[in-house]
PDB file of N, CA and C in Angstrom:
ATOM      1  N   MET A   1       4.994  29.719 -16.339  1.00  0.00           N
ATOM      2  CA  MET A   1       3.733  29.212 -16.815  1.00  0.00           C
ATOM      3  C   MET A   1       3.888  27.792 -17.363  1.00  0.00           C
ATOM      4  N   VAL A   2       4.953  27.539 -18.083  1.00  0.00           N
ATOM      5  CA  VAL A   2       5.198  26.209 -18.619  1.00  0.00           C
ATOM      6  C   VAL A   2       5.450  25.227 -17.483  1.00  0.00           C
ATOM      7  N   ASN A   3       6.188  25.671 -16.457  1.00  0.00           N
ATOM      8  CA  ASN A   3       6.459  24.794 -15.317  1.00  0.00           C
ATOM      9  C   ASN A   3       5.177  24.405 -14.598  1.00  0.00           C
ATOM     10  N   ASN A   4       4.264  25.361 -14.414  1.00  0.00           N
ATOM     11  CA  ASN A   4       2.995  25.057 -13.748  1.00  0.00           C
ATOM     12  C   ASN A   4       2.179  24.054 -14.558  1.00  0.00           C
ATOM     13  N   LEU A   5       2.179  24.227 -15.877  1.00  0.00           N
ATOM     14  CA  LEU A   5       1.454  23.305 -16.733  1.00  0.00           C
ATOM     15  C   LEU A   5       2.040  21.896 -16.625  1.00  0.00           C
ATOM     16  N   ALA A   6       3.370  21.811 -16.631  1.00  0.00           N
ATOM     17  CA  ALA A   6       4.039  20.511 -16.512  1.00  0.00           C
ATOM     18  C   ALA A   6       3.741  19.868 -15.163  1.00  0.00           C
ATOM     19  N   LYS A   7       3.769  20.680 -14.099  1.00  0.00           N
ATOM     20  CA  LYS A   7       3.468  20.147 -12.764  1.00  0.00           C
ATOM     21  C   LYS A   7       2.051  19.601 -12.694  1.00  0.00           C
ATOM     22  N   ASN A   8       1.106  20.358 -13.251  1.00  0.00           N
ATOM     23  CA  ASN A   8      -0.290  19.908 -13.236  1.00  0.00           C
ATOM     24  C   ASN A   8      -0.472  18.632 -14.039  1.00  0.00           C
ATOM     25  N   MET A   9       0.213  18.527 -15.158  1.00  0.00           N
ATOM     26  CA  MET A   9       0.117  17.323 -15.972  1.00  0.00           C
ATOM     27  C   MET A   9       0.684  16.125 -15.224  1.00  0.00           C
ATOM     28  N   LEU A  10       1.790  16.319 -14.513  1.00  0.00           N
ATOM     29  CA  LEU A  10       2.378  15.228 -13.739  1.00  0.00           C
ATOM     30  C   LEU A  10       1.458  14.790 -12.610  1.00  0.00           C
ATOM     31  N   LYS A  11       0.875  15.773 -11.921  1.00  0.00           N
ATOM     32  CA  LYS A  11      -0.044  15.432 -10.838  1.00  0.00           C
ATOM     33  C   LYS A  11      -1.232  14.641 -11.364  1.00  0.00           C
ATOM     34  N   TRP A  12      -1.817  15.094 -12.457  1.00  0.00           N
ATOM     35  CA  TRP A  12      -2.975  14.422 -13.015  1.00  0.00           C
ATOM     36  C   TRP A  12      -2.604  13.026 -13.485  1.00  0.00           C
ATOM     37  N   GLY A  13      -1.473  12.912 -14.153  1.00  0.00           N
ATOM     38  CA  GLY A  13      -1.021  11.608 -14.640  1.00  0.00           C
ATOM     39  C   GLY A  13      -0.762  10.639 -13.508  1.00  0.00           C
ATOM     40  N   GLY A  14      -0.171  11.108 -12.413  1.00  0.00           N
ATOM     41  CA  GLY A  14       0.106  10.253 -11.267  1.00  0.00           C
ATOM     42  C   GLY A  14      -1.154   9.720 -10.626  1.00  0.00           C
ATOM     43  N   LYS A  15      -2.163  10.580 -10.477  1.00  0.00           N
ATOM     44  CA  LYS A  15      -3.429  10.145  -9.895  1.00  0.00           C
ATOM     45  C   LYS A  15      -4.115   9.131 -10.796  1.00  0.00           C
ATOM     46  N   LYS A  16      -4.062   9.389 -12.079  1.00  0.00           N
ATOM     47  CA  LYS A  16      -4.689   8.475 -13.027  1.00  0.00           C
ATOM     48  C   LYS A  16      -3.998   7.119 -12.983  1.00  0.00           C
ATOM     49  N   PHE A  17      -2.675   7.122 -12.900  1.00  0.00           N
ATOM     50  CA  PHE A  17      -1.917   5.873 -12.842  1.00  0.00           C
ATOM     51  C   PHE A  17      -2.285   5.088 -11.589  1.00  0.00           C
ATOM     52  N   LYS A  18      -2.370   5.763 -10.437  1.00  0.00           N
ATOM     53  CA  LYS A  18      -2.739   5.079  -9.197  1.00  0.00           C
ATOM     54  C   LYS A  18      -4.129   4.473  -9.313  1.00  0.00           C
ATOM     55  N   ARG A  19      -5.051   5.218  -9.901  1.00  0.00           N
ATOM     56  CA  ARG A  19      -6.409   4.729 -10.052  1.00  0.00           C
ATOM     57  C   ARG A  19      -6.429   3.477 -10.933  1.00  0.00           C
ATOM     58  N   LYS A  20      -5.635   3.476 -11.997  1.00  0.00           N
ATOM     59  CA  LYS A  20      -5.584   2.308 -12.874  1.00  0.00           C
ATOM     60  C   LYS A  20      -5.038   1.097 -12.133  1.00  0.00           C
ATOM     61  N   GLN A  21      -4.011   1.311 -11.297  1.00  0.00           N
ATOM     62  CA  GLN A  21      -3.454   0.199 -10.526  1.00  0.00           C
ATOM     63  C   GLN A  21      -4.488  -0.369  -9.568  1.00  0.00           C
ATOM     64  N   GLU A  22      -5.229   0.518  -8.888  1.00  0.00           N
ATOM     65  CA  GLU A  22      -6.245   0.064  -7.943  1.00  0.00           C
ATOM     66  C   GLU A  22      -7.349  -0.694  -8.672  1.00  0.00           C
ATOM     67  N   ASP A  23      -7.740  -0.196  -9.852  1.00  0.00           N
ATOM     68  CA  ASP A  23      -8.765  -0.881 -10.631  1.00  0.00           C
ATOM     69  C   ASP A  23      -8.295  -2.276 -11.034  1.00  0.00           C
ATOM     70  N   LYS A  24      -7.032  -2.401 -11.442  1.00  0.00           N
ATOM     71  CA  LYS A  24      -6.497  -3.703 -11.827  1.00  0.00           C
ATOM     72  C   LYS A  24      -6.507  -4.660 -10.648  1.00  0.00           C
ATOM     73  N   LYS A  25      -6.133  -4.163  -9.456  1.00  0.00           N
ATOM     74  CA  LYS A  25      -6.135  -5.022  -8.276  1.00  0.00           C
ATOM     75  C   LYS A  25      -7.543  -5.520  -7.983  1.00  0.00           C
ATOM     76  N   MET A  26      -8.528  -4.646  -8.083  1.00  0.00           N
ATOM     77  CA  MET A  26      -9.905  -5.047  -7.823  1.00  0.00           C
ATOM     78  C   MET A  26     -10.370  -6.069  -8.856  1.00  0.00           C
ATOM     79  N   LYS A  27     -10.011  -5.875 -10.129  1.00  0.00           N
ATOM     80  CA  LYS A  27     -10.399  -6.816 -11.162  1.00  0.00           C
ATOM     81  C   LYS A  27      -9.772  -8.180 -10.912  1.00  0.00           C
ATOM     82  N   LEU A  28      -8.514  -8.202 -10.450  1.00  0.00           N
ATOM     83  CA  LEU A  28      -7.852  -9.472 -10.175  1.00  0.00           C
ATOM     84  C   LEU A  28      -8.570 -10.219  -9.059  1.00  0.00           C
ATOM     85  N   LYS A  29      -8.904  -9.526  -7.982  1.00  0.00           N
ATOM     86  CA  LYS A  29      -9.608 -10.171  -6.871  1.00  0.00           C
ATOM     87  C   LYS A  29     -10.978 -10.655  -7.318  1.00  0.00           C
ATOM     88  N   GLN A  30     -11.693  -9.797  -8.013  1.00  0.00           N
ATOM     89  CA  GLN A  30     -13.026 -10.166  -8.445  1.00  0.00           C
ATOM     90  C   GLN A  30     -12.970 -11.336  -9.416  1.00  0.00           C
ATOM     91  N   SER A  31     -12.001 -11.325 -10.285  1.00  0.00           N
ATOM     92  CA  SER A  31     -11.965 -12.376 -11.288  1.00  0.00           C
ATOM     93  C   SER A  31     -11.712 -13.748 -10.650  1.00  0.00           C
ATOM     94  N   LEU A  32     -10.800 -13.846  -9.709  1.00  0.00           N
ATOM     95  CA  LEU A  32     -10.563 -15.136  -9.065  1.00  0.00           C
ATOM     96  C   LEU A  32     -11.782 -15.560  -8.273  1.00  0.00           C
ATOM     97  N   LYS A  33     -12.364 -14.639  -7.539  1.00  0.00           N
ATOM     98  CA  LYS A  33     -13.541 -14.970  -6.744  1.00  0.00           C
ATOM     99  C   LYS A  33     -14.698 -15.390  -7.649  1.00  0.00           C
ATOM    100  N   GLU A  34     -14.886 -14.652  -8.733  1.00  0.00           N
ATOM    101  CA  GLU A  34     -15.953 -15.002  -9.669  1.00  0.00           C
ATOM    102  C   GLU A  34     -15.718 -16.378 -10.276  1.00  0.00           C
ATOM    103  N   ILE A  35     -14.486 -16.662 -10.623  1.00  0.00           N
ATOM    104  CA  ILE A  35     -14.160 -17.972 -11.194  1.00  0.00           C
ATOM    105  C   ILE A  35     -14.471 -19.072 -10.186  1.00  0.00           C
ATOM    106  N   LEU A  36     -14.045 -18.879  -8.952  1.00  0.00           N
ATOM    107  CA  LEU A  36     -14.253 -19.905  -7.933  1.00  0.00           C
ATOM    108  C   LEU A  36     -15.732 -20.099  -7.616  1.00  0.00           C
ATOM    109  N   GLU A  37     -16.497 -19.013  -7.643  1.00  0.00           N
ATOM    110  CA  GLU A  37     -17.926 -19.130  -7.359  1.00  0.00           C
ATOM    111  C   GLU A  37     -18.662 -19.906  -8.445  1.00  0.00           C
ATOM    112  N   LYS A  38     -18.132 -19.895  -9.652  1.00  0.00           N
ATOM    113  CA  LYS A  38     -18.766 -20.619 -10.757  1.00  0.00           C
ATOM    114  C   LYS A  38     -18.379 -22.092 -10.789  1.00  0.00           C
ATOM    115  N   VAL A  39     -17.327 -22.457 -10.055  1.00  0.00           N
ATOM    116  CA  VAL A  39     -16.836 -23.834 -10.072  1.00  0.00           C
ATOM    117  C   VAL A  39     -17.732 -24.716  -9.210  1.00  0.00           C
ATOM    118  N   THR A  40     -18.178 -25.818  -9.806  1.00  0.00           N
ATOM    119  CA  THR A  40     -18.949 -26.824  -9.079  1.00  0.00           C
ATOM    120  C   THR A  40     -18.311 -28.175  -9.368  1.00  0.00           C
ATOM    121  N   LEU A  41     -17.680 -28.730  -8.355  1.00  0.00           N
ATOM    122  CA  LEU A  41     -17.012 -30.021  -8.500  1.00  0.00           C
ATOM    123  C   LEU A  41     -17.826 -31.092  -7.788  1.00  0.00           C
ATOM    124  N   LYS A  42     -17.931 -32.254  -8.395  1.00  0.00           N
ATOM    125  CA  LYS A  42     -18.723 -33.343  -7.818  1.00  0.00           C
ATOM    126  C   LYS A  42     -18.040 -33.950  -6.596  1.00  0.00           C
ATOM    127  N   ASN A  43     -16.718 -33.981  -6.605  1.00  0.00           N
ATOM    128  CA  ASN A  43     -15.963 -34.519  -5.479  1.00  0.00           C
ATOM    129  C   ASN A  43     -16.067 -33.533  -4.307  1.00  0.00           C
ATOM    130  N   GLU A  44     -16.557 -34.032  -3.192  1.00  0.00           N
ATOM    131  CA  GLU A  44     -16.821 -33.166  -2.036  1.00  0.00           C
ATOM    132  C   GLU A  44     -15.545 -32.533  -1.475  1.00  0.00           C
ATOM    133  N   ALA A  45     -14.458 -33.284  -1.428  1.00  0.00           N
ATOM    134  CA  ALA A  45     -13.199 -32.759  -0.895  1.00  0.00           C
ATOM    135  C   ALA A  45     -12.676 -31.614  -1.756  1.00  0.00           C
ATOM    136  N   GLU A  46     -12.784 -31.771  -3.063  1.00  0.00           N
ATOM    137  CA  GLU A  46     -12.330 -30.726  -3.982  1.00  0.00           C
ATOM    138  C   GLU A  46     -13.188 -29.478  -3.840  1.00  0.00           C
ATOM    139  N   GLN A  47     -14.512 -29.658  -3.767  1.00  0.00           N
ATOM    140  CA  GLN A  47     -15.415 -28.515  -3.631  1.00  0.00           C
ATOM    141  C   GLN A  47     -15.192 -27.799  -2.295  1.00  0.00           C
ATOM    142  N   ASP A  48     -14.880 -28.548  -1.249  1.00  0.00           N
ATOM    143  CA  ASP A  48     -14.570 -27.925   0.047  1.00  0.00           C
ATOM    144  C   ASP A  48     -13.345 -27.025  -0.056  1.00  0.00           C
ATOM    145  N   LEU A  49     -12.344 -27.454  -0.815  1.00  0.00           N
ATOM    146  CA  LEU A  49     -11.148 -26.628  -1.002  1.00  0.00           C
ATOM    147  C   LEU A  49     -11.482 -25.332  -1.724  1.00  0.00           C
ATOM    148  N   VAL A  50     -12.340 -25.424  -2.734  1.00  0.00           N
ATOM    149  CA  VAL A  50     -12.761 -24.238  -3.479  1.00  0.00           C
ATOM    150  C   VAL A  50     -13.558 -23.303  -2.568  1.00  0.00           C
ATOM    151  N   ASN A  51     -14.479 -23.863  -1.794  1.00  0.00           N
ATOM    152  CA  ASN A  51     -15.282 -23.053  -0.875  1.00  0.00           C
ATOM    153  C   ASN A  51     -14.413 -22.371   0.175  1.00  0.00           C
ATOM    154  N   GLN A  52     -13.404 -23.075   0.652  1.00  0.00           N
ATOM    155  CA  GLN A  52     -12.479 -22.501   1.632  1.00  0.00           C
ATOM    156  C   GLN A  52     -11.711 -21.327   1.022  1.00  0.00           C
ATOM    157  N   ALA A  53     -11.329 -21.447  -0.240  1.00  0.00           N
ATOM    158  CA  ALA A  53     -10.627 -20.356  -0.920  1.00  0.00           C
ATOM    159  C   ALA A  53     -11.537 -19.139  -1.063  1.00  0.00           C
ATOM    160  N   ILE A  54     -12.815 -19.361  -1.344  1.00  0.00           N
ATOM    161  CA  ILE A  54     -13.770 -18.253  -1.455  1.00  0.00           C
ATOM    162  C   ILE A  54     -13.893 -17.535  -0.118  1.00  0.00           C
ATOM    163  N   VAL A  55     -13.975 -18.301   0.963  1.00  0.00           N
ATOM    164  CA  VAL A  55     -14.071 -17.707   2.301  1.00  0.00           C
ATOM    165  C   VAL A  55     -12.829 -16.862   2.602  1.00  0.00           C
ATOM    166  N   GLU A  56     -11.654 -17.367   2.243  1.00  0.00           N
ATOM    167  CA  GLU A  56     -10.410 -16.626   2.473  1.00  0.00           C
ATOM    168  C   GLU A  56     -10.406 -15.314   1.686  1.00  0.00           C
ATOM    169  N   LEU A  57     -10.883 -15.342   0.454  1.00  0.00           N
ATOM    170  CA  LEU A  57     -10.962 -14.115  -0.344  1.00  0.00           C
ATOM    171  C   LEU A  57     -11.952 -13.131   0.264  1.00  0.00           C
ATOM    172  N   ASP A  58     -13.061 -13.650   0.801  1.00  0.00           N
ATOM    173  CA  ASP A  58     -14.039 -12.781   1.460  1.00  0.00           C
ATOM    174  C   ASP A  58     -13.449 -12.099   2.692  1.00  0.00           C
ATOM    175  N   LYS A  59     -12.526 -12.785   3.361  1.00  0.00           N
ATOM    176  CA  LYS A  59     -11.870 -12.215   4.542  1.00  0.00           C
ATOM    177  C   LYS A  59     -10.846 -11.149   4.164  1.00  0.00           C
ATOM    178  N   GLY A  60     -10.536 -11.052   2.870  1.00  0.00           N
ATOM    179  CA  GLY A  60      -9.578 -10.050   2.417  1.00  0.00           C
ATOM    180  C   GLY A  60      -8.163 -10.570   2.293  1.00  0.00           C
ATOM    181  N   GLU A  61      -8.004 -11.884   2.240  1.00  0.00           N
ATOM    182  CA  GLU A  61      -6.672 -12.463   2.075  1.00  0.00           C
ATOM    183  C   GLU A  61      -6.097 -12.073   0.723  1.00  0.00           C
ATOM    184  N   TYR A  62      -4.788 -12.056   0.631  1.00  0.00           N
ATOM    185  CA  TYR A  62      -4.062 -11.713  -0.578  1.00  0.00           C
ATOM    186  C   TYR A  62      -4.344 -12.773  -1.643  1.00  0.00           C
ATOM    187  N   GLU A  63      -4.868 -12.323  -2.790  1.00  0.00           N
ATOM    188  CA  GLU A  63      -5.349 -13.234  -3.822  1.00  0.00           C
ATOM    189  C   GLU A  63      -4.307 -14.231  -4.325  1.00  0.00           C
ATOM    190  N   PRO A  64      -3.075 -13.813  -4.643  1.00  0.00           N
ATOM    191  CA  PRO A  64      -2.084 -14.807  -5.070  1.00  0.00           C
ATOM    192  C   PRO A  64      -1.779 -15.862  -3.995  1.00  0.00           C
ATOM    193  N   LYS A  65      -1.860 -15.457  -2.739  1.00  0.00           N
ATOM    194  CA  LYS A  65      -1.630 -16.407  -1.644  1.00  0.00           C
ATOM    195  C   LYS A  65      -2.743 -17.455  -1.608  1.00  0.00           C
ATOM    196  N   VAL A  66      -3.986 -17.011  -1.746  1.00  0.00           N
ATOM    197  CA  VAL A  66      -5.122 -17.925  -1.736  1.00  0.00           C
ATOM    198  C   VAL A  66      -5.043 -18.867  -2.933  1.00  0.00           C
ATOM    199  N   GLN A  67      -4.690 -18.313  -4.087  1.00  0.00           N
ATOM    200  CA  GLN A  67      -4.574 -19.137  -5.288  1.00  0.00           C
ATOM    201  C   GLN A  67      -3.481 -20.188  -5.118  1.00  0.00           C
ATOM    202  N   LYS A  68      -2.358 -19.815  -4.526  1.00  0.00           N
ATOM    203  CA  LYS A  68      -1.262 -20.758  -4.305  1.00  0.00           C
ATOM    204  C   LYS A  68      -1.671 -21.848  -3.316  1.00  0.00           C
ATOM    205  N   GLN A  69      -2.365 -21.459  -2.245  1.00  0.00           N
ATOM    206  CA  GLN A  69      -2.814 -22.446  -1.271  1.00  0.00           C
ATOM    207  C   GLN A  69      -3.785 -23.452  -1.898  1.00  0.00           C
ATOM    208  N   LEU A  70      -4.694 -22.954  -2.737  1.00  0.00           N
ATOM    209  CA  LEU A  70      -5.638 -23.834  -3.405  1.00  0.00           C
ATOM    210  C   LEU A  70      -4.909 -24.764  -4.378  1.00  0.00           C
ATOM    211  N   ARG A  71      -3.968 -24.210  -5.105  1.00  0.00           N
ATOM    212  CA  ARG A  71      -3.185 -25.008  -6.055  1.00  0.00           C
ATOM    213  C   ARG A  71      -2.391 -26.091  -5.320  1.00  0.00           C
ATOM    214  N   ASP A  72      -1.790 -25.734  -4.182  1.00  0.00           N
ATOM    215  CA  ASP A  72      -1.020 -26.702  -3.398  1.00  0.00           C
ATOM    216  C   ASP A  72      -1.906 -27.823  -2.843  1.00  0.00           C
ATOM    217  N   ALA A  73      -3.099 -27.440  -2.355  1.00  0.00           N
ATOM    218  CA  ALA A  73      -4.013 -28.443  -1.806  1.00  0.00           C
ATOM    219  C   ALA A  73      -4.501 -29.397  -2.901  1.00  0.00           C
ATOM    220  N   LEU A  74      -4.800 -28.852  -4.072  1.00  0.00           N
ATOM    221  CA  LEU A  74      -5.218 -29.710  -5.186  1.00  0.00           C
ATOM    222  C   LEU A  74      -4.062 -30.578  -5.670  1.00  0.00           C
ATOM    223  N   ASN A  75      -2.843 -30.039  -5.602  1.00  0.00           N
ATOM    224  CA  ASN A  75      -1.662 -30.808  -6.005  1.00  0.00           C
ATOM    225  C   ASN A  75      -1.482 -32.034  -5.110  1.00  0.00           C
ATOM    226  N   LYS A  76      -1.777 -31.884  -3.825  1.00  0.00           N
ATOM    227  CA  LYS A  76      -1.697 -33.033  -2.915  1.00  0.00           C
ATOM    228  C   LYS A  76      -2.660 -34.131  -3.334  1.00  0.00           C
ATOM    229  N   LEU A  77      -3.872 -33.720  -3.731  1.00  0.00           N
ATOM    230  CA  LEU A  77      -4.847 -34.709  -4.199  1.00  0.00           C
ATOM    231  C   LEU A  77      -4.378 -35.384  -5.479  1.00  0.00           C
ATOM    232  N   VAL A  78      -3.734 -34.612  -6.354  1.00  0.00           N
ATOM    233  CA  VAL A  78      -3.209 -35.180  -7.597  1.00  0.00           C
ATOM    234  C   VAL A  78      -2.143 -36.219  -7.280  1.00  0.00           C
ATOM    235  N   LEU A  79      -1.223 -35.886  -6.396  1.00  0.00           N
ATOM    236  CA  LEU A  79      -0.139 -36.810  -6.049  1.00  0.00           C
ATOM    237  C   LEU A  79      -0.656 -38.079  -5.374  1.00  0.00           C
ATOM    238  N   GLN A  80      -1.736 -37.946  -4.618  1.00  0.00           N
ATOM    239  CA  GLN A  80      -2.331 -39.104  -3.960  1.00  0.00           C
ATOM    240  C   GLN A  80      -3.240 -39.897  -4.897  1.00  0.00           C
ATOM    241  N   GLY A  81      -3.535 -39.342  -6.063  1.00  0.00           N
ATOM    242  CA  GLY A  81      -4.417 -40.002  -7.021  1.00  0.00           C
ATOM    243  C   GLY A  81      -5.875 -39.946  -6.622  1.00  0.00           C
ATOM    244  N   LYS A  82      -6.248 -38.966  -5.816  1.00  0.00           N
ATOM    245  CA  LYS A  82      -7.615 -38.863  -5.310  1.00  0.00           C
ATOM    246  C   LYS A  82      -8.385 -37.715  -5.953  1.00  0.00           C
ATOM    247  N   ILE A  83      -7.974 -37.293  -7.131  1.00  0.00           N
ATOM    248  CA  ILE A  83      -8.642 -36.164  -7.776  1.00  0.00           C
ATOM    249  C   ILE A  83      -9.476 -36.666  -8.954  1.00  0.00           C
ATOM    250  N   SER A  84     -10.632 -36.054  -9.140  1.00  0.00           N
ATOM    251  CA  SER A  84     -11.510 -36.434 -10.246  1.00  0.00           C
ATOM    252  C   SER A  84     -11.007 -35.807 -11.546  1.00  0.00           C
ATOM    253  N   LYS A  85     -11.592 -36.237 -12.657  1.00  0.00           N
ATOM    254  CA  LYS A  85     -11.188 -35.692 -13.951  1.00  0.00           C
ATOM    255  C   LYS A  85     -11.505 -34.205 -14.037  1.00  0.00           C
ATOM    256  N   GLU A  86     -12.696 -33.813 -13.558  1.00  0.00           N
ATOM    257  CA  GLU A  86     -13.041 -32.392 -13.619  1.00  0.00           C
ATOM    258  C   GLU A  86     -12.193 -31.587 -12.628  1.00  0.00           C
ATOM    259  N   GLY A  87     -11.832 -32.181 -11.498  1.00  0.00           N
ATOM    260  CA  GLY A  87     -10.937 -31.532 -10.552  1.00  0.00           C
ATOM    261  C   GLY A  87      -9.552 -31.344 -11.150  1.00  0.00           C
ATOM    262  N   LEU A  88      -9.116 -32.336 -11.909  1.00  0.00           N
ATOM    263  CA  LEU A  88      -7.814 -32.257 -12.562  1.00  0.00           C
ATOM    264  C   LEU A  88      -7.795 -31.171 -13.633  1.00  0.00           C
ATOM    265  N   SER A  89      -8.868 -31.077 -14.406  1.00  0.00           N
ATOM    266  CA  SER A  89      -8.909 -30.025 -15.432  1.00  0.00           C
ATOM    267  C   SER A  89      -8.965 -28.642 -14.786  1.00  0.00           C
ATOM    268  N   PHE A  90      -9.675 -28.515 -13.648  1.00  0.00           N
ATOM    269  CA  PHE A  90      -9.694 -27.245 -12.921  1.00  0.00           C
ATOM    270  C   PHE A  90      -8.302 -26.924 -12.374  1.00  0.00           C
ATOM    271  N   PHE A  91      -7.623 -27.925 -11.845  1.00  0.00           N
ATOM    272  CA  PHE A  91      -6.262 -27.742 -11.327  1.00  0.00           C
ATOM    273  C   PHE A  91      -5.317 -27.280 -12.439  1.00  0.00           C
ATOM    274  N   GLU A  92      -5.443 -27.882 -13.621  1.00  0.00           N
ATOM    275  CA  GLU A  92      -4.598 -27.488 -14.749  1.00  0.00           C
ATOM    276  C   GLU A  92      -4.869 -26.043 -15.151  1.00  0.00           C
ATOM    277  N   GLU A  93      -6.141 -25.641 -15.178  1.00  0.00           N
ATOM    278  CA  GLU A  93      -6.490 -24.254 -15.509  1.00  0.00           C
ATOM    279  C   GLU A  93      -5.917 -23.301 -14.477  1.00  0.00           C
ATOM    280  N   LEU A  94      -6.024 -23.677 -13.223  1.00  0.00           N
ATOM    281  CA  LEU A  94      -5.537 -22.839 -12.133  1.00  0.00           C
ATOM    282  C   LEU A  94      -4.020 -22.726 -12.154  1.00  0.00           C
ATOM    283  N   SER A  95      -3.351 -23.738 -12.657  1.00  0.00           N
ATOM    284  CA  SER A  95      -1.892 -23.769 -12.674  1.00  0.00           C
ATOM    285  C   SER A  95      -1.281 -23.081 -13.890  1.00  0.00           C
ATOM    286  N   LYS A  96      -2.095 -22.757 -14.865  1.00  0.00           N
ATOM    287  CA  LYS A  96      -1.561 -22.074 -16.046  1.00  0.00           C
ATOM    288  C   LYS A  96      -1.022 -20.711 -15.637  1.00  0.00           C
ATOM    289  N   PRO A  97       0.122 -20.332 -16.176  1.00  0.00           N
ATOM    290  CA  PRO A  97       0.676 -19.031 -15.807  1.00  0.00           C
ATOM    291  C   PRO A  97      -0.144 -17.883 -16.383  1.00  0.00           C
ATOM    292  N   ASN A  98      -0.295 -16.840 -15.601  1.00  0.00           N
ATOM    293  CA  ASN A  98      -0.929 -15.605 -16.040  1.00  0.00           C
ATOM    294  C   ASN A  98       0.191 -14.576 -16.124  1.00  0.00           C
ATOM    295  N   PHE A  99       0.724 -14.382 -17.305  1.00  0.00           N
ATOM    296  CA  PHE A  99       1.932 -13.592 -17.475  1.00  0.00           C
ATOM    297  C   PHE A  99       1.767 -12.145 -17.022  1.00  0.00           C
ATOM    298  N   ASP A 100       0.578 -11.570 -17.201  1.00  0.00           N
ATOM    299  CA  ASP A 100       0.377 -10.189 -16.762  1.00  0.00           C
ATOM    300  C   ASP A 100       0.552 -10.066 -15.254  1.00  0.00           C
ATOM    301  N   VAL A 101      -0.070 -10.955 -14.514  1.00  0.00           N
ATOM    302  CA  VAL A 101      -0.008 -10.903 -13.057  1.00  0.00           C
ATOM    303  C   VAL A 101       1.349 -11.379 -12.553  1.00  0.00           C
ATOM    304  N   ASP A 102       1.822 -12.508 -13.082  1.00  0.00           N
ATOM    305  CA  ASP A 102       3.080 -13.082 -12.609  1.00  0.00           C
ATOM    306  C   ASP A 102       4.248 -12.141 -12.847  1.00  0.00           C
ATOM    307  N   LEU A 103       4.279 -11.496 -14.009  1.00  0.00           N
ATOM    308  CA  LEU A 103       5.358 -10.570 -14.318  1.00  0.00           C
ATOM    309  C   LEU A 103       5.290  -9.340 -13.432  1.00  0.00           C
ATOM    310  N   ALA A 104       4.075  -8.857 -13.186  1.00  0.00           N
ATOM    311  CA  ALA A 104       3.925  -7.687 -12.319  1.00  0.00           C
ATOM    312  C   ALA A 104       4.389  -7.997 -10.902  1.00  0.00           C
ATOM    313  N   LEU A 105       4.022  -9.163 -10.397  1.00  0.00           N
ATOM    314  CA  LEU A 105       4.426  -9.534  -9.039  1.00  0.00           C
ATOM    315  C   LEU A 105       5.933  -9.734  -8.947  1.00  0.00           C
ATOM    316  N   SER A 106       6.522 -10.353  -9.961  1.00  0.00           N
ATOM    317  CA  SER A 106       7.968 -10.583  -9.909  1.00  0.00           C
ATOM    318  C   SER A 106       8.745  -9.292 -10.085  1.00  0.00           C
ATOM    319  N   SER A 107       8.220  -8.353 -10.872  1.00  0.00           N
ATOM    320  CA  SER A 107       8.945  -7.092 -11.059  1.00  0.00           C
ATOM    321  C   SER A 107       8.945  -6.260  -9.785  1.00  0.00           C
ATOM    322  N   MET A 108       7.931  -6.459  -8.931  1.00  0.00           N
ATOM    323  CA  MET A 108       7.922  -5.723  -7.657  1.00  0.00           C
ATOM    324  C   MET A 108       9.110  -6.129  -6.811  1.00  0.00           C
ATOM    325  N   THR A 109       9.547  -7.375  -6.911  1.00  0.00           N
ATOM    326  CA  THR A 109      10.682  -7.820  -6.106  1.00  0.00           C
ATOM    327  C   THR A 109      11.997  -7.281  -6.647  1.00  0.00           C
ATOM    328  N   TRP A 110      12.050  -6.951  -7.936  1.00  0.00           N
ATOM    329  CA  TRP A 110      13.273  -6.430  -8.523  1.00  0.00           C
ATOM    330  C   TRP A 110      13.615  -5.059  -7.983  1.00  0.00           C
ATOM    331  N   PHE A 111      12.597  -4.274  -7.682  1.00  0.00           N
ATOM    332  CA  PHE A 111      12.816  -2.878  -7.301  1.00  0.00           C
ATOM    333  C   PHE A 111      12.818  -2.667  -5.799  1.00  0.00           C
ATOM    334  N   ASN A 112      12.558  -3.683  -5.030  1.00  0.00           N
ATOM    335  CA  ASN A 112      12.542  -3.524  -3.566  1.00  0.00           C
ATOM    336  C   ASN A 112      13.859  -3.945  -2.962  1.00  0.00           C
TER     337      ASN A 112
END
């Protein structure tokens, strides 16, 4: 009887854990997309990069990949000196580390 109770608790806990992981993944995707949809940059080239990232997210692309591509494209504009002040502040915000996500992604590589 104790073994059955323990088994049921493990099964329930495992399902709950999976559900929490899936919810976190959805929140991460939604949060980046929501952030990008709220961004309005006056520089047309910068806004095109943001719009392209939104399209990629709509296609179901991996969110960290899209974020990295956007960061890299904005970095090119920074190096060329063709970025506006508001574009630069957006780039800085985008480049700030998100320890919850970054640590989770890096820990996946430790165990594989």
